[in-house]
């Protein structure tokens, strides 16, 4: 999305440096690693926000798309974290965009939900490892948001997703507040907070059966 980044660069008073590239290719990581090694910055906040999903059963979605989903949502996030980790210092924050889909398996969203479970688990473990350094990791677990995500994923007939659609600006604001307050998980909205609690109480087998009805 280089063109989007350039547009943002032209509109903000904050000095920005754009690194554009495909996260599924090695070149972007080599470029970033080289710049970090040369400049030795103090990274105050790392936000891993890249990701995509695709609605459909495992049999319906083509193999290439499902593997790219895993690479983008899991491998790329991990790779970017490893590259930036040496430059994080006391007080730094890592914000990883997971999803409310991480709370339990989701039929017709199986691979996506599984990748976000990885992000949530990885974030929690990394947080524990970095606490002694005074670095805090927050996993952001939003429900459906009005973004371009569904242009790729496809809008399912799931009425619950349509009813709980949130404005992305509010999700981001809550995420930044929660990261500042050193929260482990950021969940926006009453509906998603309730979903998080319910998936802790109700067996996942039952939750999955209920979700199949919507």
N, C-alpha and C. Protein backbone atom coordinates (compact mmCIF):
# COMPACT_ATOMS: atom_id res chain seq x y z
N UNK A 1 0.83 -1.19 0.00
CA UNK A 1 0.00 0.00 0.00
C UNK A 1 0.88 1.26 0.00
N UNK A 2 1.91 1.29 -0.80
CA UNK A 2 2.83 2.41 -0.81
C UNK A 2 2.11 3.72 -1.08
N UNK A 3 1.14 3.70 -2.01
CA UNK A 3 0.44 4.93 -2.36
C UNK A 3 -0.32 5.49 -1.17
N UNK A 4 -0.89 4.61 -0.33
CA UNK A 4 -1.59 5.06 0.88
C UNK A 4 -0.61 5.67 1.87
N UNK A 5 0.54 5.04 2.00
CA UNK A 5 1.55 5.54 2.93
C UNK A 5 2.08 6.90 2.48
N UNK A 6 2.29 7.06 1.18
CA UNK A 6 2.76 8.34 0.65
C UNK A 6 1.73 9.44 0.91
N UNK A 7 0.46 9.09 0.74
CA UNK A 7 -0.61 10.06 1.00
C UNK A 7 -0.59 10.49 2.45
N UNK A 8 -0.46 9.54 3.34
CA UNK A 8 -0.38 9.85 4.77
C UNK A 8 0.84 10.71 5.07
N UNK A 9 1.94 10.37 4.45
CA UNK A 9 3.18 11.12 4.64
C UNK A 9 3.01 12.59 4.27
N UNK A 10 2.22 12.85 3.23
CA UNK A 10 2.03 14.22 2.76
C UNK A 10 1.05 15.01 3.63
N UNK A 11 0.26 14.31 4.43
CA UNK A 11 -0.79 14.98 5.21
C UNK A 11 -0.44 15.19 6.67
N UNK A 12 0.63 14.60 7.14
CA UNK A 12 0.95 14.69 8.55
C UNK A 12 2.15 15.58 8.81
N UNK A 13 2.17 16.22 9.97
CA UNK A 13 3.30 17.07 10.35
C UNK A 13 4.42 16.23 10.98
N UNK A 14 4.10 15.00 11.32
CA UNK A 14 5.10 14.10 11.88
C UNK A 14 6.00 13.57 10.76
N UNK A 15 7.29 13.56 11.01
CA UNK A 15 8.23 13.07 10.00
C UNK A 15 8.07 11.57 9.84
N UNK A 16 7.81 11.13 8.62
CA UNK A 16 7.60 9.72 8.35
C UNK A 16 8.59 9.20 7.31
N UNK A 17 8.97 7.96 7.48
CA UNK A 17 9.77 7.28 6.47
C UNK A 17 9.01 6.05 6.02
N UNK A 18 8.81 5.92 4.74
CA UNK A 18 7.98 4.85 4.20
C UNK A 18 8.84 3.68 3.73
N UNK A 19 8.49 2.49 4.21
CA UNK A 19 9.07 1.25 3.69
C UNK A 19 7.91 0.49 3.05
N UNK A 20 7.94 0.33 1.75
CA UNK A 20 6.85 -0.33 1.07
C UNK A 20 7.30 -1.66 0.48
N UNK A 21 6.45 -2.66 0.60
CA UNK A 21 6.80 -3.95 0.02
C UNK A 21 5.80 -5.03 0.39
N UNK A 22 5.98 -6.17 -0.21
CA UNK A 22 5.12 -7.33 0.01
C UNK A 22 5.66 -8.12 1.19
N UNK A 23 4.86 -8.26 2.23
CA UNK A 23 5.30 -8.97 3.44
C UNK A 23 5.48 -10.46 3.22
N UNK A 24 5.07 -10.95 2.07
CA UNK A 24 5.29 -12.36 1.75
C UNK A 24 6.63 -12.57 1.04
N UNK A 25 7.37 -11.48 0.82
CA UNK A 25 8.66 -11.56 0.16
C UNK A 25 9.77 -11.07 1.07
N UNK A 26 10.97 -11.59 0.87
CA UNK A 26 12.09 -11.33 1.77
C UNK A 26 12.62 -9.90 1.67
N UNK A 27 12.43 -9.25 0.52
CA UNK A 27 13.07 -7.95 0.28
C UNK A 27 12.72 -6.89 1.32
N UNK A 28 11.46 -6.82 1.73
CA UNK A 28 11.06 -5.79 2.67
C UNK A 28 11.74 -5.96 4.02
N UNK A 29 11.95 -7.20 4.42
CA UNK A 29 12.60 -7.46 5.71
C UNK A 29 14.09 -7.12 5.63
N UNK A 30 14.70 -7.41 4.49
CA UNK A 30 16.11 -7.07 4.31
C UNK A 30 16.30 -5.56 4.34
N UNK A 31 15.39 -4.83 3.69
CA UNK A 31 15.49 -3.37 3.65
C UNK A 31 15.33 -2.78 5.05
N UNK A 32 14.34 -3.26 5.77
CA UNK A 32 14.09 -2.75 7.12
C UNK A 32 15.23 -3.11 8.07
N UNK A 33 15.70 -4.35 7.99
CA UNK A 33 16.80 -4.78 8.86
C UNK A 33 18.04 -3.93 8.63
N UNK A 34 18.33 -3.63 7.37
CA UNK A 34 19.48 -2.81 7.05
C UNK A 34 19.36 -1.41 7.61
N UNK A 35 18.17 -0.82 7.50
CA UNK A 35 17.95 0.54 8.01
C UNK A 35 18.06 0.57 9.53
N UNK A 36 17.51 -0.43 10.20
CA UNK A 36 17.59 -0.49 11.66
C UNK A 36 19.03 -0.65 12.13
N UNK A 37 19.79 -1.51 11.48
CA UNK A 37 21.19 -1.73 11.85
C UNK A 37 22.02 -0.47 11.64
N UNK A 38 21.71 0.28 10.59
CA UNK A 38 22.47 1.48 10.28
C UNK A 38 22.15 2.63 11.22
N UNK A 39 20.88 2.76 11.60
CA UNK A 39 20.45 3.93 12.37
C UNK A 39 20.28 3.66 13.87
N UNK A 40 20.20 2.39 14.27
CA UNK A 40 20.09 2.03 15.69
C UNK A 40 19.02 2.85 16.42
N UNK A 41 17.78 2.83 15.96
CA UNK A 41 16.73 3.66 16.58
C UNK A 41 16.23 3.05 17.88
N UNK A 42 15.55 3.89 18.65
CA UNK A 42 14.83 3.43 19.83
C UNK A 42 13.36 3.33 19.43
N UNK A 43 12.89 2.12 19.17
CA UNK A 43 11.51 1.93 18.73
C UNK A 43 10.59 2.01 19.95
N UNK A 44 9.73 3.02 19.96
CA UNK A 44 8.83 3.21 21.10
C UNK A 44 7.56 2.38 20.96
N UNK A 45 7.12 2.16 19.73
CA UNK A 45 5.92 1.35 19.53
C UNK A 45 6.00 0.60 18.20
N UNK A 46 5.80 -0.70 18.28
CA UNK A 46 5.71 -1.55 17.10
C UNK A 46 4.26 -2.00 16.98
N UNK A 47 3.63 -1.70 15.84
CA UNK A 47 2.25 -2.13 15.60
C UNK A 47 2.24 -3.10 14.43
N UNK A 48 1.91 -4.34 14.70
CA UNK A 48 1.78 -5.35 13.65
C UNK A 48 0.31 -5.44 13.27
N UNK A 49 -0.03 -4.76 12.16
CA UNK A 49 -1.44 -4.65 11.78
C UNK A 49 -1.79 -5.34 10.47
N UNK A 50 -0.78 -5.81 9.74
CA UNK A 50 -1.07 -6.44 8.45
C UNK A 50 -1.76 -7.78 8.63
N UNK A 51 -2.73 -8.06 7.78
CA UNK A 51 -3.41 -9.34 7.86
C UNK A 51 -4.62 -9.36 6.94
N UNK A 52 -5.11 -10.55 6.65
CA UNK A 52 -6.34 -10.66 5.87
C UNK A 52 -7.02 -11.98 6.17
N UNK A 53 -8.30 -12.05 5.83
CA UNK A 53 -9.07 -13.27 6.03
C UNK A 53 -9.88 -13.58 4.80
N UNK A 54 -10.41 -14.78 4.77
CA UNK A 54 -11.25 -15.21 3.65
C UNK A 54 -12.37 -16.08 4.20
N UNK A 55 -13.59 -15.70 3.90
CA UNK A 55 -14.75 -16.46 4.36
C UNK A 55 -15.00 -17.67 3.46
N UNK A 56 -15.28 -18.80 4.08
CA UNK A 56 -15.55 -20.02 3.33
C UNK A 56 -15.00 -21.22 4.08
N UNK A 57 -15.44 -22.40 3.71
CA UNK A 57 -14.94 -23.60 4.36
C UNK A 57 -13.52 -23.91 3.86
N UNK A 58 -12.84 -24.77 4.57
CA UNK A 58 -11.49 -25.17 4.19
C UNK A 58 -11.49 -25.80 2.79
N UNK A 59 -12.54 -26.52 2.46
CA UNK A 59 -12.63 -27.14 1.14
C UNK A 59 -12.91 -26.12 0.04
N UNK A 60 -13.60 -25.04 0.38
CA UNK A 60 -13.99 -24.05 -0.62
C UNK A 60 -12.87 -23.08 -0.98
N UNK A 61 -12.06 -22.69 -0.01
CA UNK A 61 -11.02 -21.69 -0.25
C UNK A 61 -9.80 -22.37 -0.86
N UNK A 62 -9.23 -21.76 -1.89
CA UNK A 62 -8.10 -22.40 -2.57
C UNK A 62 -6.88 -22.47 -1.66
N UNK A 63 -6.04 -23.45 -1.92
CA UNK A 63 -4.87 -23.73 -1.09
C UNK A 63 -3.93 -22.53 -0.98
N UNK A 64 -3.65 -21.87 -2.09
CA UNK A 64 -2.73 -20.74 -2.11
C UNK A 64 -3.19 -19.63 -1.16
N UNK A 65 -4.46 -19.31 -1.20
CA UNK A 65 -5.01 -18.26 -0.34
C UNK A 65 -4.88 -18.62 1.13
N UNK A 66 -5.16 -19.86 1.47
CA UNK A 66 -5.10 -20.27 2.87
C UNK A 66 -3.66 -20.24 3.40
N UNK A 67 -2.72 -20.66 2.58
CA UNK A 67 -1.32 -20.64 3.02
C UNK A 67 -0.80 -19.21 3.12
N UNK A 68 -1.23 -18.34 2.21
CA UNK A 68 -0.83 -16.93 2.29
C UNK A 68 -1.44 -16.27 3.52
N UNK A 69 -2.63 -16.69 3.91
CA UNK A 69 -3.26 -16.18 5.11
C UNK A 69 -2.41 -16.50 6.34
N UNK A 70 -1.92 -17.73 6.39
CA UNK A 70 -1.07 -18.15 7.51
C UNK A 70 0.24 -17.38 7.50
N UNK A 71 0.84 -17.24 6.33
CA UNK A 71 2.12 -16.53 6.23
C UNK A 71 1.99 -15.06 6.60
N UNK A 72 0.92 -14.42 6.15
CA UNK A 72 0.73 -13.00 6.44
C UNK A 72 0.38 -12.76 7.90
N UNK A 73 -0.59 -13.50 8.39
CA UNK A 73 -1.10 -13.26 9.74
C UNK A 73 -0.18 -13.75 10.84
N UNK A 74 0.59 -14.81 10.57
CA UNK A 74 1.45 -15.41 11.60
C UNK A 74 2.94 -15.20 11.34
N UNK A 75 3.41 -15.68 10.21
CA UNK A 75 4.83 -15.63 9.92
C UNK A 75 5.34 -14.19 9.81
N UNK A 76 4.63 -13.35 9.07
CA UNK A 76 5.07 -11.97 8.87
C UNK A 76 5.08 -11.20 10.19
N UNK A 77 4.05 -11.39 10.99
CA UNK A 77 3.99 -10.72 12.30
C UNK A 77 5.15 -11.14 13.17
N UNK A 78 5.46 -12.42 13.18
CA UNK A 78 6.57 -12.93 13.99
C UNK A 78 7.90 -12.40 13.47
N UNK A 79 8.07 -12.43 12.17
CA UNK A 79 9.31 -11.97 11.53
C UNK A 79 9.57 -10.50 11.85
N UNK A 80 8.53 -9.67 11.70
CA UNK A 80 8.67 -8.24 11.97
C UNK A 80 9.01 -8.00 13.44
N UNK A 81 8.41 -8.77 14.32
CA UNK A 81 8.70 -8.64 15.75
C UNK A 81 10.16 -8.98 16.05
N UNK A 82 10.65 -10.07 15.46
CA UNK A 82 12.03 -10.50 15.69
C UNK A 82 13.02 -9.46 15.19
N UNK A 83 12.72 -8.85 14.05
CA UNK A 83 13.61 -7.83 13.49
C UNK A 83 13.67 -6.60 14.39
N UNK A 84 12.53 -6.20 14.93
CA UNK A 84 12.45 -4.96 15.71
C UNK A 84 12.81 -5.13 17.18
N UNK A 85 12.74 -6.34 17.68
CA UNK A 85 12.93 -6.61 19.10
C UNK A 85 14.22 -6.04 19.69
N UNK A 86 15.37 -6.15 19.01
CA UNK A 86 16.61 -5.61 19.60
C UNK A 86 16.58 -4.10 19.80
N UNK A 87 15.64 -3.42 19.15
CA UNK A 87 15.61 -1.95 19.21
C UNK A 87 14.50 -1.42 20.12
N UNK A 88 13.82 -2.32 20.80
CA UNK A 88 12.83 -1.93 21.79
C UNK A 88 13.52 -1.72 23.14
N UNK A 89 13.10 -0.70 23.86
CA UNK A 89 13.71 -0.40 25.15
C UNK A 89 12.63 -0.26 26.21
N UNK A 90 13.05 -0.03 27.44
CA UNK A 90 12.10 0.09 28.55
C UNK A 90 11.04 1.14 28.22
N UNK A 91 9.78 0.75 28.40
CA UNK A 91 8.68 1.65 28.10
C UNK A 91 8.11 1.47 26.71
N UNK A 92 8.77 0.69 25.88
CA UNK A 92 8.27 0.45 24.52
C UNK A 92 7.01 -0.42 24.56
N UNK A 93 6.22 -0.33 23.50
CA UNK A 93 5.01 -1.12 23.40
C UNK A 93 5.00 -1.90 22.10
N UNK A 94 4.46 -3.12 22.16
CA UNK A 94 4.19 -3.91 20.97
C UNK A 94 2.69 -4.11 20.91
N UNK A 95 2.08 -3.73 19.80
CA UNK A 95 0.64 -3.88 19.62
C UNK A 95 0.41 -4.82 18.44
N UNK A 96 -0.16 -5.98 18.73
CA UNK A 96 -0.42 -6.98 17.69
C UNK A 96 -1.92 -7.07 17.44
N UNK A 97 -2.31 -6.90 16.17
CA UNK A 97 -3.73 -6.96 15.84
C UNK A 97 -4.14 -8.42 15.66
N UNK A 98 -4.88 -8.91 16.63
CA UNK A 98 -5.45 -10.27 16.55
C UNK A 98 -6.91 -10.10 16.11
N UNK A 99 -7.82 -10.72 16.80
CA UNK A 99 -9.24 -10.64 16.44
C UNK A 99 -10.05 -11.34 17.51
N UNK A 100 -11.31 -10.97 17.61
CA UNK A 100 -12.21 -11.73 18.49
C UNK A 100 -12.35 -13.16 18.00
N UNK A 101 -12.02 -13.39 16.74
CA UNK A 101 -12.04 -14.75 16.19
C UNK A 101 -11.01 -15.64 16.88
N UNK A 102 -10.07 -15.02 17.60
CA UNK A 102 -9.05 -15.79 18.31
C UNK A 102 -9.61 -16.53 19.52
N UNK A 103 -10.79 -16.12 19.97
CA UNK A 103 -11.32 -16.66 21.22
C UNK A 103 -11.82 -18.10 21.10
N UNK A 104 -12.18 -18.52 19.87
CA UNK A 104 -12.65 -19.89 19.69
C UNK A 104 -12.65 -20.23 18.20
N UNK A 105 -12.69 -21.51 17.85
CA UNK A 105 -12.74 -21.90 16.43
C UNK A 105 -13.99 -21.33 15.76
N UNK A 106 -13.87 -21.04 14.45
CA UNK A 106 -15.01 -20.49 13.72
C UNK A 106 -15.23 -21.25 12.42
N UNK A 107 -16.32 -21.98 12.30
CA UNK A 107 -16.64 -22.64 11.04
C UNK A 107 -16.77 -21.60 9.93
N UNK A 108 -16.30 -21.93 8.74
CA UNK A 108 -16.30 -21.04 7.57
C UNK A 108 -15.37 -19.85 7.73
N UNK A 109 -14.53 -19.90 8.76
CA UNK A 109 -13.49 -18.90 8.99
C UNK A 109 -12.33 -19.60 9.70
N UNK A 110 -12.18 -20.89 9.41
CA UNK A 110 -11.33 -21.77 10.21
C UNK A 110 -9.87 -21.33 10.25
N UNK A 111 -9.28 -21.11 9.07
CA UNK A 111 -7.86 -20.77 9.02
C UNK A 111 -7.63 -19.39 9.62
N UNK A 112 -8.48 -18.44 9.26
CA UNK A 112 -8.32 -17.08 9.80
C UNK A 112 -8.38 -17.10 11.33
N UNK A 113 -9.40 -17.74 11.89
CA UNK A 113 -9.53 -17.80 13.35
C UNK A 113 -8.33 -18.47 13.99
N UNK A 114 -7.81 -19.50 13.35
CA UNK A 114 -6.64 -20.20 13.88
C UNK A 114 -5.40 -19.30 13.86
N UNK A 115 -5.24 -18.50 12.80
CA UNK A 115 -4.09 -17.60 12.75
C UNK A 115 -4.17 -16.54 13.83
N UNK A 116 -5.38 -16.08 14.12
CA UNK A 116 -5.53 -15.05 15.14
C UNK A 116 -5.37 -15.63 16.55
N UNK A 117 -5.69 -16.91 16.71
CA UNK A 117 -5.39 -17.59 17.98
C UNK A 117 -3.89 -17.63 18.20
N UNK A 118 -3.16 -17.85 17.12
CA UNK A 118 -1.69 -17.81 17.20
C UNK A 118 -1.22 -16.44 17.65
N UNK A 119 -1.76 -15.39 17.05
CA UNK A 119 -1.35 -14.03 17.40
C UNK A 119 -1.61 -13.74 18.87
N UNK A 120 -2.76 -14.15 19.36
CA UNK A 120 -3.11 -13.92 20.76
C UNK A 120 -2.18 -14.70 21.69
N UNK A 121 -1.94 -15.96 21.39
CA UNK A 121 -1.06 -16.78 22.22
C UNK A 121 0.37 -16.27 22.19
N UNK A 122 0.85 -15.95 21.00
CA UNK A 122 2.21 -15.42 20.84
C UNK A 122 2.37 -14.12 21.62
N UNK A 123 1.38 -13.25 21.55
CA UNK A 123 1.45 -11.95 22.23
C UNK A 123 1.51 -12.12 23.74
N UNK A 124 0.73 -13.03 24.26
CA UNK A 124 0.71 -13.26 25.71
C UNK A 124 2.05 -13.82 26.20
N UNK A 125 2.59 -14.76 25.45
CA UNK A 125 3.87 -15.35 25.84
C UNK A 125 5.00 -14.34 25.71
N UNK A 126 5.00 -13.58 24.62
CA UNK A 126 6.04 -12.56 24.41
C UNK A 126 5.96 -11.51 25.52
N UNK A 127 4.78 -11.15 25.91
CA UNK A 127 4.60 -10.18 26.99
C UNK A 127 5.28 -10.65 28.27
N UNK A 128 5.07 -11.92 28.59
CA UNK A 128 5.67 -12.50 29.80
C UNK A 128 7.20 -12.47 29.71
N UNK A 129 7.72 -12.72 28.52
CA UNK A 129 9.17 -12.73 28.33
C UNK A 129 9.79 -11.34 28.41
N UNK A 130 9.02 -10.32 28.04
CA UNK A 130 9.58 -8.97 27.95
C UNK A 130 9.29 -8.09 29.16
N UNK A 131 8.46 -8.56 30.07
CA UNK A 131 8.07 -7.71 31.21
C UNK A 131 9.26 -7.27 32.05
N UNK A 132 10.26 -8.13 32.21
CA UNK A 132 11.43 -7.75 33.00
C UNK A 132 12.22 -6.62 32.35
N UNK A 133 12.05 -6.46 31.03
CA UNK A 133 12.71 -5.36 30.32
C UNK A 133 11.83 -4.11 30.31
N UNK A 134 10.64 -4.19 30.90
CA UNK A 134 9.75 -3.04 30.92
C UNK A 134 9.10 -2.77 29.58
N UNK A 135 8.95 -3.82 28.77
CA UNK A 135 8.31 -3.72 27.46
C UNK A 135 6.98 -4.46 27.54
N UNK A 136 5.91 -3.83 27.07
CA UNK A 136 4.59 -4.40 27.23
C UNK A 136 3.93 -4.70 25.89
N UNK A 137 3.32 -5.87 25.81
CA UNK A 137 2.70 -6.35 24.57
C UNK A 137 1.19 -6.39 24.77
N UNK A 138 0.46 -5.84 23.83
CA UNK A 138 -1.01 -5.85 23.87
C UNK A 138 -1.54 -6.50 22.60
N UNK A 139 -2.40 -7.50 22.77
CA UNK A 139 -3.08 -8.12 21.64
C UNK A 139 -4.44 -7.45 21.49
N UNK A 140 -4.70 -6.91 20.32
CA UNK A 140 -5.97 -6.23 20.05
C UNK A 140 -6.92 -7.24 19.40
N UNK A 141 -8.09 -7.42 20.00
CA UNK A 141 -9.03 -8.44 19.53
C UNK A 141 -10.38 -7.82 19.20
N UNK A 142 -10.46 -7.12 18.09
CA UNK A 142 -11.73 -6.50 17.71
C UNK A 142 -12.67 -7.49 17.05
N UNK A 143 -13.92 -7.14 17.07
CA UNK A 143 -14.89 -7.88 16.27
C UNK A 143 -14.91 -7.29 14.88
N UNK A 144 -15.98 -7.46 14.12
CA UNK A 144 -16.06 -6.91 12.77
C UNK A 144 -15.94 -5.39 12.80
N UNK A 145 -15.17 -4.83 11.87
CA UNK A 145 -15.02 -3.38 11.77
C UNK A 145 -15.26 -2.95 10.32
N UNK A 146 -15.74 -1.74 10.16
CA UNK A 146 -16.08 -1.22 8.83
C UNK A 146 -14.81 -0.78 8.09
N UNK A 147 -14.06 -1.75 7.59
CA UNK A 147 -12.84 -1.49 6.83
C UNK A 147 -12.91 -2.26 5.51
N UNK A 148 -11.81 -2.22 4.76
CA UNK A 148 -11.74 -2.95 3.50
C UNK A 148 -11.54 -4.45 3.70
N UNK A 149 -11.41 -4.87 4.94
CA UNK A 149 -11.20 -6.29 5.25
C UNK A 149 -12.22 -7.17 4.53
N UNK A 150 -13.48 -6.77 4.56
CA UNK A 150 -14.53 -7.60 4.01
C UNK A 150 -14.60 -7.55 2.49
N UNK A 151 -13.87 -6.60 1.88
CA UNK A 151 -13.77 -6.60 0.42
C UNK A 151 -13.03 -7.84 -0.06
N UNK A 152 -12.09 -8.30 0.75
CA UNK A 152 -11.32 -9.51 0.44
C UNK A 152 -11.96 -10.74 1.07
N UNK A 153 -12.31 -10.60 2.35
CA UNK A 153 -12.86 -11.75 3.08
C UNK A 153 -14.21 -12.17 2.53
N UNK A 154 -14.98 -11.18 2.07
CA UNK A 154 -16.35 -11.48 1.68
C UNK A 154 -17.26 -11.33 2.90
N UNK A 155 -18.35 -10.68 2.75
CA UNK A 155 -19.29 -10.52 3.86
C UNK A 155 -20.19 -11.74 3.94
N UNK A 156 -20.06 -12.48 5.01
CA UNK A 156 -20.88 -13.67 5.17
C UNK A 156 -22.30 -13.28 5.56
N UNK A 157 -23.18 -14.25 5.55
CA UNK A 157 -24.57 -13.99 5.93
C UNK A 157 -24.75 -13.96 7.44
N UNK A 158 -23.64 -14.04 8.18
CA UNK A 158 -23.69 -14.08 9.64
C UNK A 158 -24.28 -12.79 10.18
N UNK A 159 -25.49 -12.86 10.70
CA UNK A 159 -26.19 -11.67 11.18
C UNK A 159 -25.51 -11.06 12.40
N UNK A 160 -24.84 -11.90 13.21
CA UNK A 160 -24.16 -11.39 14.39
C UNK A 160 -23.03 -10.45 14.00
N UNK A 161 -22.29 -10.79 12.95
CA UNK A 161 -21.19 -9.93 12.50
C UNK A 161 -21.71 -8.59 12.01
N UNK A 162 -22.84 -8.61 11.31
CA UNK A 162 -23.40 -7.37 10.79
C UNK A 162 -23.93 -6.50 11.93
N UNK A 163 -24.46 -7.12 12.97
CA UNK A 163 -25.03 -6.37 14.08
C UNK A 163 -23.97 -5.75 14.98
N UNK A 164 -22.76 -6.35 15.00
CA UNK A 164 -21.70 -5.88 15.91
C UNK A 164 -20.61 -5.11 15.18
N UNK A 165 -20.86 -4.69 13.94
CA UNK A 165 -19.87 -3.96 13.16
C UNK A 165 -19.50 -2.66 13.86
N UNK A 166 -18.18 -2.42 14.03
CA UNK A 166 -17.70 -1.25 14.76
C UNK A 166 -16.97 -0.29 13.84
N UNK A 167 -16.87 0.97 14.25
CA UNK A 167 -16.09 1.96 13.52
C UNK A 167 -14.61 1.75 13.84
N UNK A 168 -13.76 1.66 12.83
CA UNK A 168 -12.34 1.38 13.07
C UNK A 168 -11.65 2.43 13.94
N UNK A 169 -12.07 3.69 13.82
CA UNK A 169 -11.44 4.75 14.62
C UNK A 169 -11.61 4.50 16.12
N UNK A 170 -12.77 3.98 16.49
CA UNK A 170 -13.03 3.70 17.90
C UNK A 170 -12.22 2.51 18.39
N UNK A 171 -12.07 1.51 17.52
CA UNK A 171 -11.27 0.33 17.86
C UNK A 171 -9.81 0.74 18.09
N UNK A 172 -9.30 1.58 17.18
CA UNK A 172 -7.91 2.04 17.28
C UNK A 172 -7.69 2.87 18.53
N UNK A 173 -8.62 3.78 18.80
CA UNK A 173 -8.50 4.62 20.00
C UNK A 173 -8.44 3.78 21.27
N UNK A 174 -9.33 2.79 21.35
CA UNK A 174 -9.34 1.91 22.52
C UNK A 174 -8.05 1.11 22.61
N UNK A 175 -7.55 0.66 21.48
CA UNK A 175 -6.31 -0.13 21.46
C UNK A 175 -5.13 0.69 21.98
N UNK A 176 -5.03 1.95 21.56
CA UNK A 176 -3.93 2.80 22.00
C UNK A 176 -4.03 3.12 23.49
N UNK A 177 -5.25 3.33 23.96
CA UNK A 177 -5.45 3.58 25.40
C UNK A 177 -5.05 2.34 26.20
N UNK A 178 -5.47 1.17 25.74
CA UNK A 178 -5.15 -0.06 26.45
C UNK A 178 -3.65 -0.37 26.42
N UNK A 179 -3.00 -0.08 25.28
CA UNK A 179 -1.55 -0.29 25.20
C UNK A 179 -0.83 0.65 26.17
N UNK A 180 -1.28 1.89 26.23
CA UNK A 180 -0.69 2.86 27.17
C UNK A 180 -0.83 2.37 28.61
N UNK A 181 -1.98 1.76 28.91
CA UNK A 181 -2.26 1.28 30.26
C UNK A 181 -1.72 -0.12 30.52
N UNK A 182 -0.91 -0.63 29.59
CA UNK A 182 -0.20 -1.91 29.76
C UNK A 182 -1.14 -3.11 29.82
N UNK A 183 -2.28 -3.03 29.15
CA UNK A 183 -3.22 -4.15 29.16
C UNK A 183 -2.74 -5.27 28.26
N UNK A 184 -3.01 -6.49 28.67
CA UNK A 184 -2.61 -7.67 27.90
C UNK A 184 -3.44 -7.84 26.64
N UNK A 185 -4.75 -7.57 26.77
CA UNK A 185 -5.68 -7.74 25.66
C UNK A 185 -6.58 -6.52 25.57
N UNK A 186 -6.81 -6.05 24.35
CA UNK A 186 -7.71 -4.93 24.12
C UNK A 186 -8.93 -5.42 23.34
N UNK A 187 -10.10 -5.24 23.93
CA UNK A 187 -11.34 -5.65 23.27
C UNK A 187 -12.29 -4.46 23.28
N UNK A 188 -12.73 -4.06 22.09
CA UNK A 188 -13.64 -2.92 22.00
C UNK A 188 -15.09 -3.39 21.94
N UNK A 189 -15.93 -2.72 22.71
CA UNK A 189 -17.37 -2.94 22.61
C UNK A 189 -17.92 -3.98 23.56
N UNK A 190 -19.14 -3.75 24.00
CA UNK A 190 -19.81 -4.65 24.95
C UNK A 190 -20.00 -6.03 24.35
N UNK A 191 -20.39 -6.09 23.09
CA UNK A 191 -20.68 -7.39 22.46
C UNK A 191 -19.45 -8.28 22.41
N UNK A 192 -18.30 -7.71 22.03
CA UNK A 192 -17.09 -8.51 21.93
C UNK A 192 -16.54 -8.88 23.32
N UNK A 193 -16.73 -8.01 24.29
CA UNK A 193 -16.31 -8.32 25.65
C UNK A 193 -17.16 -9.47 26.21
N UNK A 194 -18.44 -9.44 25.87
CA UNK A 194 -19.33 -10.53 26.29
C UNK A 194 -18.95 -11.83 25.60
N UNK A 195 -18.60 -11.74 24.33
CA UNK A 195 -18.20 -12.94 23.58
C UNK A 195 -16.94 -13.55 24.19
N UNK A 196 -16.02 -12.70 24.60
CA UNK A 196 -14.78 -13.19 25.22
C UNK A 196 -15.09 -13.96 26.50
N UNK A 197 -15.99 -13.42 27.31
CA UNK A 197 -16.35 -14.08 28.56
C UNK A 197 -17.06 -15.40 28.30
N UNK A 198 -18.00 -15.39 27.35
CA UNK A 198 -18.77 -16.59 27.06
C UNK A 198 -17.89 -17.73 26.54
N UNK A 199 -16.89 -17.39 25.73
CA UNK A 199 -16.01 -18.44 25.19
C UNK A 199 -15.09 -19.02 26.25
N UNK A 200 -15.01 -18.35 27.39
CA UNK A 200 -14.26 -18.90 28.51
C UNK A 200 -15.12 -19.84 29.36
N UNK A 201 -16.43 -19.58 29.32
CA UNK A 201 -17.36 -20.33 30.17
C UNK A 201 -17.97 -21.53 29.44
N UNK A 202 -18.43 -21.29 28.22
CA UNK A 202 -19.12 -22.32 27.46
C UNK A 202 -18.11 -23.18 26.69
N UNK A 203 -18.24 -24.50 26.70
CA UNK A 203 -17.33 -25.36 25.93
C UNK A 203 -17.30 -24.96 24.45
N UNK A 204 -16.11 -24.96 23.86
CA UNK A 204 -15.97 -24.53 22.47
C UNK A 204 -16.81 -25.37 21.51
N UNK A 205 -16.99 -26.63 21.84
CA UNK A 205 -17.81 -27.49 20.98
C UNK A 205 -19.22 -26.94 20.86
N UNK A 206 -19.76 -26.46 21.98
CA UNK A 206 -21.10 -25.90 21.98
C UNK A 206 -21.13 -24.55 21.27
N UNK A 207 -20.10 -23.73 21.50
CA UNK A 207 -20.02 -22.43 20.84
C UNK A 207 -20.00 -22.59 19.32
N UNK A 208 -19.21 -23.55 18.85
CA UNK A 208 -19.11 -23.81 17.41
C UNK A 208 -20.45 -24.23 16.84
N UNK A 209 -21.18 -25.08 17.56
CA UNK A 209 -22.49 -25.51 17.09
C UNK A 209 -23.46 -24.35 17.02
N UNK A 210 -23.38 -23.45 17.98
CA UNK A 210 -24.26 -22.27 17.98
C UNK A 210 -23.92 -21.37 16.80
N UNK A 211 -22.62 -21.17 16.56
CA UNK A 211 -22.19 -20.29 15.47
C UNK A 211 -22.61 -20.83 14.11
N UNK A 212 -22.69 -22.11 13.98
CA UNK A 212 -23.08 -22.73 12.70
C UNK A 212 -24.53 -22.39 12.35
N UNK A 213 -25.31 -21.95 13.32
CA UNK A 213 -26.72 -21.64 13.08
C UNK A 213 -26.92 -20.24 12.53
N UNK A 214 -25.87 -19.41 12.53
CA UNK A 214 -26.02 -18.03 12.09
C UNK A 214 -25.39 -17.82 10.71
